[in-house]
Protein backbone atom coordinates (compact mmCIF):
# COMPACT_ATOMS: atom_id res chain seq x y z
CA MET A 1 -12.85 15.34 221.11
CA ARG A 2 -16.34 14.57 219.81
CA ARG A 3 -16.49 18.21 218.56
CA ILE A 4 -13.31 17.79 216.64
CA THR A 5 -14.40 14.43 215.06
CA TRP A 6 -17.55 16.39 213.79
CA VAL A 7 -15.54 19.10 212.40
CA LEU A 8 -13.36 16.69 210.55
CA ALA A 9 -16.35 14.73 209.20
CA ILE A 10 -17.72 18.07 207.80
CA VAL A 11 -14.59 19.04 206.28
CA MET A 12 -14.35 15.65 204.57
CA CYS A 13 -17.86 15.81 203.10
CA PHE A 14 -17.24 19.44 201.98
CA SER A 15 -14.18 18.21 200.18
CA ILE A 16 -15.82 15.47 198.40
CA VAL A 17 -18.59 17.80 197.22
CA LEU A 18 -15.89 20.22 195.81
CA ALA A 19 -14.11 17.25 194.17
CA GLY A 20 -17.34 16.33 192.54
CA CYS A 21 -17.80 19.83 191.23
CA GLY A 22 -14.35 19.89 189.78
CA LYS A 23 -13.21 19.40 186.11
CA LYS A 24 -13.88 16.22 184.34
CA ASP A 25 -10.99 14.11 183.63
CA GLU A 26 -10.23 12.16 180.41
CA ALA A 27 -11.56 9.00 181.81
CA GLY A 28 -14.85 10.47 182.81
CA ILE A 29 -15.39 12.20 179.41
CA VAL A 30 -14.55 8.94 177.48
CA LYS A 31 -17.11 7.25 179.55
CA ASP A 32 -19.65 9.93 178.86
CA LEU A 33 -18.95 9.74 175.14
CA ASN A 34 -19.45 5.90 175.20
CA GLU A 35 -22.91 6.37 176.70
CA VAL A 36 -23.82 9.35 174.35
CA VAL A 37 -23.17 7.36 171.29
CA GLY A 38 -24.76 4.27 172.67
CA LYS A 39 -28.00 6.09 173.34
CA LEU A 40 -27.79 8.27 169.99
CA ASP A 41 -31.23 8.76 168.52
CA SER A 42 -30.95 11.42 165.93
CA TYR A 43 -28.96 14.54 164.96
CA GLU A 44 -28.43 17.22 162.37
CA GLY A 45 -25.29 19.02 161.68
CA SER A 46 -23.81 21.35 159.13
CA GLY A 47 -20.47 23.03 158.43
CA VAL A 48 -17.73 23.63 155.91
CA MET A 49 -15.25 21.04 154.77
CA THR A 50 -11.99 22.11 153.40
CA LEU A 51 -9.80 19.94 151.29
CA HIS A 52 -6.09 20.67 150.97
CA THR A 53 -5.34 18.08 148.27
CA GLY A 54 -5.13 20.22 145.08
CA GLU A 55 -3.29 23.24 143.97
CA THR A 56 -5.86 25.55 145.86
CA PRO A 57 -7.93 24.73 148.95
CA GLN A 58 -11.49 23.32 147.99
CA MET A 59 -14.34 24.19 150.24
CA TYR A 60 -17.71 22.23 150.52
CA LYS A 61 -20.86 22.78 152.42
CA VAL A 62 -21.79 19.72 154.37
CA GLN A 63 -25.13 19.01 155.83
CA VAL A 64 -25.75 15.72 157.78
CA TRP A 65 -28.95 14.00 159.04
CA TYR A 66 -28.98 10.85 161.08
CA MET A 67 -32.01 8.94 162.47
CA ASN A 68 -31.65 5.71 164.48
CA PRO A 69 -30.99 2.95 163.65
CA SER A 70 -29.30 3.45 160.27
CA TYR A 71 -30.87 6.34 158.25
CA TYR A 72 -28.36 8.83 156.79
CA ARG A 73 -28.53 11.74 154.59
CA ILE A 74 -25.29 13.68 153.47
CA ALA A 75 -25.58 16.65 151.21
CA LEU A 76 -22.21 17.75 149.89
CA THR A 77 -22.06 20.94 147.93
CA ASN A 78 -19.13 22.26 146.03
CA ALA A 79 -18.94 25.90 147.20
CA GLN A 80 -17.18 27.07 143.82
CA LYS A 81 -19.32 25.24 141.35
CA ASP A 82 -22.77 24.94 143.11
CA ILE A 83 -22.99 21.21 142.55
CA THR A 84 -24.63 19.10 145.07
CA GLN A 85 -24.45 15.41 145.75
CA ILE A 86 -26.49 13.52 148.16
CA VAL A 87 -25.69 10.23 149.81
CA LEU A 88 -28.71 8.42 151.41
CA ARG A 89 -29.00 5.31 153.33
CA ASN A 90 -32.51 3.88 154.08
CA ASP A 91 -34.20 0.47 154.11
CA GLN A 92 -33.70 -0.03 150.46
CA GLY A 93 -29.92 0.42 150.29
CA VAL A 94 -27.25 3.19 149.98
CA TYR A 95 -27.93 5.83 147.22
CA VAL A 96 -25.71 8.42 145.63
CA LEU A 97 -27.78 11.21 144.04
CA THR A 98 -26.67 13.93 141.66
CA PRO A 99 -29.92 15.99 141.39
CA SER A 100 -28.41 18.39 138.73
CA LEU A 101 -28.03 15.43 136.26
CA ASN A 102 -31.03 13.61 137.55
CA LYS A 103 -28.65 10.71 138.18
CA SER A 104 -28.96 8.15 140.86
CA PHE A 105 -27.03 5.10 141.77
CA ARG A 106 -27.98 2.27 144.43
CA PHE A 107 -25.39 0.25 146.40
CA GLN A 108 -25.87 -2.85 148.51
CA SER A 109 -23.42 -1.66 151.14
CA ASP A 110 -23.08 -1.33 154.89
CA TRP A 111 -21.83 2.17 154.53
CA PRO A 112 -21.00 4.05 156.65
CA ASP A 113 -20.13 1.18 159.00
CA ASN A 114 -17.35 0.00 156.83
CA GLN A 115 -16.00 3.45 156.09
CA GLY A 116 -15.06 6.26 158.49
CA GLN A 117 -16.62 9.57 157.65
CA VAL A 118 -15.02 12.75 159.09
CA TYR A 119 -18.29 14.55 159.41
CA LEU A 120 -20.22 11.72 161.05
CA TYR A 121 -20.50 12.07 164.95
CA GLN A 122 -20.44 8.29 165.36
CA THR A 123 -17.12 8.04 163.41
CA LEU A 124 -15.57 10.74 165.49
CA VAL A 125 -16.64 9.38 168.86
CA ARG A 126 -15.59 5.79 168.01
CA SER A 127 -12.30 6.89 166.88
CA ILE A 128 -11.78 8.48 170.27
CA LEU A 129 -13.00 5.38 172.29
CA SER A 130 -10.99 2.95 170.26
CA ASP A 131 -7.56 4.80 170.51
CA ASN A 132 -5.94 3.85 173.81
CA THR A 133 -3.05 6.12 173.01
CA ARG A 134 -5.26 9.12 172.41
CA GLN A 135 -3.98 12.59 173.54
CA PHE A 136 -6.46 14.77 175.49
CA VAL A 137 -6.28 18.47 176.32
CA ASP A 138 -8.80 20.71 178.17
CA ASP A 139 -9.11 23.78 176.14
CA LYS A 140 -11.27 26.63 177.37
CA ASP A 141 -14.72 25.82 175.99
CA SER A 142 -13.51 22.49 174.15
CA TYR A 143 -12.25 19.12 174.96
CA VAL A 144 -9.62 18.24 172.30
CA PHE A 145 -8.63 14.73 171.42
CA GLU A 146 -5.86 13.76 169.05
CA VAL A 147 -6.29 10.14 167.75
CA ALA A 148 -5.42 7.73 164.97
CA ALA A 149 -7.40 8.42 161.69
CA ASN A 150 -9.14 5.46 160.15
CA TYR A 151 -10.51 6.47 156.71
CA ASN A 152 -9.41 3.58 154.47
CA THR A 153 -6.50 5.59 153.03
CA GLN A 154 -2.82 5.46 153.89
CA SER A 155 -2.38 9.24 153.45
CA LEU A 156 -4.58 10.15 156.45
CA VAL A 157 -2.92 9.09 159.74
CA ARG A 158 -3.87 11.47 162.64
CA GLN A 159 -6.80 13.69 163.56
CA LYS A 160 -7.69 16.24 166.07
CA ILE A 161 -11.27 16.53 167.19
CA TRP A 162 -12.83 19.42 169.13
CA LEU A 163 -15.79 18.71 171.23
CA SER A 164 -17.84 21.25 173.13
CA LYS A 165 -17.96 21.03 176.92
CA ASP A 166 -21.72 21.70 176.56
CA GLY A 167 -23.12 18.23 175.48
CA TYR A 168 -20.03 16.99 173.61
CA LYS A 169 -21.15 18.42 170.19
CA PRO A 170 -18.49 18.51 167.36
CA GLN A 171 -16.96 21.74 166.68
CA GLN A 172 -13.97 21.13 164.44
CA VAL A 173 -11.92 18.24 162.92
CA GLN A 174 -8.52 18.34 161.40
CA VAL A 175 -7.20 15.26 159.63
CA SER A 176 -3.42 15.07 158.84
CA ASP A 177 -1.07 13.11 156.76
CA SER A 178 2.44 11.53 157.84
CA SER A 179 4.00 14.78 157.54
CA ALA A 180 1.62 16.40 160.11
CA GLN A 181 0.03 18.47 157.27
CA VAL A 182 -3.65 19.12 157.51
CA VAL A 183 -5.21 17.53 154.50
CA VAL A 184 -9.00 17.66 155.53
CA GLU A 185 -10.66 20.07 157.92
CA VAL A 186 -14.27 20.43 158.99
CA LYS A 187 -15.72 23.23 160.95
CA PHE A 188 -19.22 22.85 162.25
CA ASP A 189 -21.45 25.80 162.43
CA GLN A 190 -24.56 23.91 163.74
CA PHE A 191 -25.26 20.62 165.45
CA GLU A 192 -28.40 19.62 167.25
CA PHE A 193 -29.11 16.26 168.99
CA GLY A 194 -32.58 14.77 168.99
CA LYS A 195 -33.64 16.35 165.65
CA LYS A 196 -37.06 15.22 164.50
CA PHE A 197 -37.12 13.35 161.16
CA ASP A 198 -39.44 11.17 159.31
CA LYS A 199 -38.64 8.08 157.06
CA LYS A 200 -39.69 10.20 154.06
CA ASP A 201 -36.68 12.56 154.70
CA PHE A 202 -34.49 9.77 153.72
CA ASP A 203 -36.52 8.63 150.60
CA MET A 204 -34.54 8.63 147.48
CA GLN A 205 -37.31 9.92 145.04
CA GLU A 206 -38.33 12.49 147.63
CA ASN A 207 -34.82 13.91 147.88
CA LEU A 208 -34.39 13.86 144.08
CA ASN A 209 -37.60 15.66 143.45
CA THR A 210 -37.06 18.31 146.39
CA ALA A 211 -33.37 19.01 145.10
CA ALA A 212 -34.25 19.24 141.53
CA GLY A 213 -37.10 21.63 142.27
CA SER A 214 -35.46 23.75 144.80
CA GLN A 215 -34.31 27.39 143.92
CA GLY A 216 -32.29 27.62 147.23
CA THR A 217 -29.01 29.51 147.48
CA MET A 218 -25.75 29.08 145.73
CA LEU A 219 -22.55 28.78 147.78
CA GLU A 220 -19.57 30.57 146.33
CA VAL A 221 -16.13 31.61 147.39
CA ASP A 222 -15.23 35.34 147.45
CA GLU A 223 -11.98 37.03 146.84
CA ASN A 224 -10.89 36.37 150.50
CA GLY A 225 -11.55 32.68 150.36
CA GLN A 226 -14.69 33.00 152.43
CA LEU A 227 -18.06 31.13 151.60
CA VAL A 228 -20.85 33.52 150.76
CA GLU A 229 -24.47 32.66 149.88
CA LYS A 230 -26.18 34.04 146.65
CA THR A 231 -29.91 34.05 146.36
CA ALA A 232 -31.73 32.89 143.23
CA ASP A 233 -32.09 36.52 142.00
CA THR A 234 -28.43 37.05 142.35
CA GLN A 235 -27.61 33.90 140.60
CA THR A 236 -29.57 35.09 137.50
CA ALA A 237 -27.81 38.37 137.50
CA ASP A 238 -24.54 36.83 137.90
CA SER A 239 -25.13 33.81 135.55
CA GLY A 240 -22.26 34.85 133.26
CA ASN A 241 -19.86 33.64 135.99
CA ALA A 242 -21.60 30.19 136.83
CA ALA A 243 -19.99 27.04 136.10
CA SER A 244 -21.20 25.46 132.88
CA VAL A 245 -21.29 21.93 131.77
CA PRO A 246 -18.56 21.36 129.23
CA ALA A 247 -19.74 20.41 125.68
CA LEU A 248 -18.31 17.09 124.54
CA ASN A 249 -17.66 17.24 120.70
CA GLU A 250 -14.81 17.53 118.54
CA ASP A 251 -13.50 20.49 120.63
CA PHE A 252 -13.59 18.28 123.73
CA GLY A 253 -11.49 19.88 126.47
CA ILE A 254 -9.52 17.26 128.40
CA ILE A 255 -9.02 17.49 132.05
CA LEU A 256 -5.76 16.13 133.13
CA PRO A 257 -4.49 15.39 136.61
CA THR A 258 -1.88 17.58 138.41
CA TYR A 259 -0.61 14.47 140.37
CA SER A 260 0.62 11.26 139.16
CA PRO A 261 2.71 8.68 141.18
CA ASP A 262 6.45 8.74 141.08
CA GLY A 263 7.87 6.95 137.95
CA VAL A 264 4.70 7.45 135.85
CA GLU A 265 4.39 9.46 132.63
CA GLU A 266 1.55 10.20 130.33
CA LYS A 267 1.74 7.91 127.24
CA ALA A 268 -1.05 8.71 124.86
CA THR A 269 -4.34 10.51 124.38
CA GLN A 270 -7.14 9.43 121.99
CA PRO A 271 -10.75 10.08 121.33
CA VAL A 272 -13.23 7.26 121.88
CA GLY A 273 -16.35 6.66 119.84
CA SER A 274 -17.32 7.82 116.43
CA ASP A 275 -18.70 11.07 117.85
CA ARG A 276 -15.48 11.80 119.64
CA SER A 277 -17.77 12.14 122.86
CA SER A 278 -15.20 10.54 125.07
CA VAL A 279 -11.37 10.68 125.48
CA MET A 280 -8.93 8.16 127.03
CA VAL A 281 -5.66 9.03 128.54
CA GLN A 282 -3.10 6.34 129.10
CA TYR A 283 -0.29 6.33 131.65
CA ASP A 284 2.77 4.04 131.91
CA GLY A 285 5.75 3.48 134.18
CA GLU A 286 5.89 2.31 137.61
CA TYR A 287 2.04 1.77 137.36
CA GLN A 288 -0.11 1.31 134.20
CA TYR A 289 -3.69 2.92 134.14
CA THR A 290 -6.10 4.81 131.91
CA ILE A 291 -8.39 7.71 132.62
CA LEU A 292 -11.62 7.81 130.52
CA GLU A 293 -13.72 11.11 130.34
CA SER A 294 -17.10 11.40 128.82
CA ARG A 295 -20.45 13.27 128.89
CA SER A 296 -22.61 12.38 131.96
CA LEU A 297 -26.05 11.34 130.79
CA ASP A 298 -29.27 11.00 132.74
CA ARG A 299 -29.69 7.41 134.06
CA ALA A 300 -32.37 5.48 135.88
CA VAL A 301 -31.65 4.19 139.32
CA SER A 302 -29.82 1.04 138.94
CA LEU A 303 -27.97 -1.38 141.36
CA GLN A 304 -24.24 -0.91 141.16
CA LYS A 305 -21.62 -3.68 141.66
CA GLY A 306 -18.76 -2.70 143.74
CA ASP A 307 -18.08 -0.47 146.77
CA MET A 308 -19.02 3.23 147.33
CA ILE A 309 -15.82 5.28 147.87
CA ASP A 310 -15.76 8.55 149.88
CA MET A 311 -13.17 10.60 147.82
CA GLY A 312 -13.50 13.67 149.87
CA PHE A 313 -14.80 15.92 147.19
CA THR A 314 -17.58 13.49 146.08
CA PHE A 315 -18.56 9.80 146.26
CA GLY A 316 -17.23 7.28 143.67
CA GLN A 317 -17.76 3.62 142.77
CA LEU A 318 -15.02 1.13 142.83
CA SER A 319 -15.53 -2.05 140.84
CA GLY A 320 -13.71 -4.98 139.63
CA ASP A 321 -11.11 -7.52 141.24
CA ASP A 322 -7.92 -7.96 139.40
CA LEU A 323 -8.76 -5.00 137.05
CA GLN A 324 -10.24 -2.26 139.20
CA THR A 325 -12.22 0.77 138.10
CA LEU A 326 -12.88 4.00 140.10
CA THR A 327 -15.86 5.91 138.65
CA TRP A 328 -17.00 9.34 139.71
CA THR A 329 -18.97 12.40 138.23
CA GLN A 330 -17.76 16.10 138.12
CA ASP A 331 -18.88 19.10 136.29
CA GLY A 332 -21.29 17.22 134.03
CA LEU A 333 -18.54 14.73 133.18
CA ASP A 334 -18.12 11.01 133.97
CA PHE A 335 -14.57 9.83 134.91
CA GLN A 336 -13.05 6.43 135.19
CA ILE A 337 -9.59 5.30 136.38
CA THR A 338 -8.87 1.76 135.35
CA SER A 339 -5.84 -0.33 136.35
CA ALA A 340 -4.58 -3.73 137.28
CA ASP A 341 -1.90 -2.31 139.64
CA LEU A 342 -2.59 1.13 140.81
CA PRO A 343 -3.52 1.23 144.49
CA VAL A 344 -6.97 2.80 145.37
CA ASN A 345 -5.51 5.42 147.38
CA GLU A 346 -3.40 6.62 144.47
CA MET A 347 -6.44 6.53 142.35
CA VAL A 348 -8.27 8.81 144.89
CA LYS A 349 -5.20 11.27 144.86
CA ILE A 350 -5.14 11.41 141.11
CA ALA A 351 -8.94 11.97 141.05
CA ALA A 352 -8.68 14.80 143.62
CA SER A 353 -6.07 16.60 141.64
CA MET A 354 -8.51 16.71 138.67
CA GLN A 355 -11.44 18.30 140.59
CA ASP A 356 -10.25 21.83 140.43
CA GLN A 357 -9.04 21.67 136.89
CA THR A 358 -10.51 23.06 133.68
CA GLY A 359 -10.40 21.49 130.14
CA LYS A 360 -7.25 21.93 128.26
């Protein structure tokens, strides 16, 4: 009898060991994620973001740096046009830099705490932790979560997040609209926890100087829609195909949106200023708004009133209360959408439909 008892005890202990070596369940993974994000010190990640908001998919190279407690650097490069925009958060505030135009803006903002970012690790993990209705799949080398999307826009409602089983590193994100169509997709090609940074890496002037003086590589899209890198020498030889900054004069080419809300029509177009260096397009109907296009000039760093808006393809500024204005820069032009009744998410959709257009 005593021998049988010992055998049973050994079998039970062996079973417990096997159970402990088994697959992690959803609850265990969620617990781990909570600990990982709570102890997060720093990371560096990069990948390709694809936006399916215009007539053709637009790809952007994304590089993300984070250092505890609240230092961020996001570099967003338009793959087709070789235009980089950098967003910094440091002790002085939040900066939006456009090095090619030597342009910088500073915001007093708690970004990104007040706005989810599809390429930030904290945003992805917190969306998993906060959604009690999340769906979970154990898929080969990945843990896949499907959760609610929270990106301050009504058009993005769900997202799927792929995390590696080795350390919970982000691999891929797909954000979908109410029709289950993927609108934004991010594929990470590199991610490293514990990356060593210095405060100067998040300094505004340091980044502006470095970006302005860097020869680097140019990201383009080949005939198959794939990202390719071109060296500085190749860029020089191929400069005839490079995107150029439009000249704003009497032959100003107007960039018109391909999207407008239902019940809205273009009403009038007119030049602004004695030198015809700007143009205003008016829309009327269900909503009334104007679009102003003008040459983007070098500007000193200035504190901007309003909120920084992540528009997907770039970062804009939203200002005003009763009369709101969304401002952004693209291809050497400054754009403004101003309206008293147009919802912000509609402004962003209109802007997105203009970012792959050429002057008409």
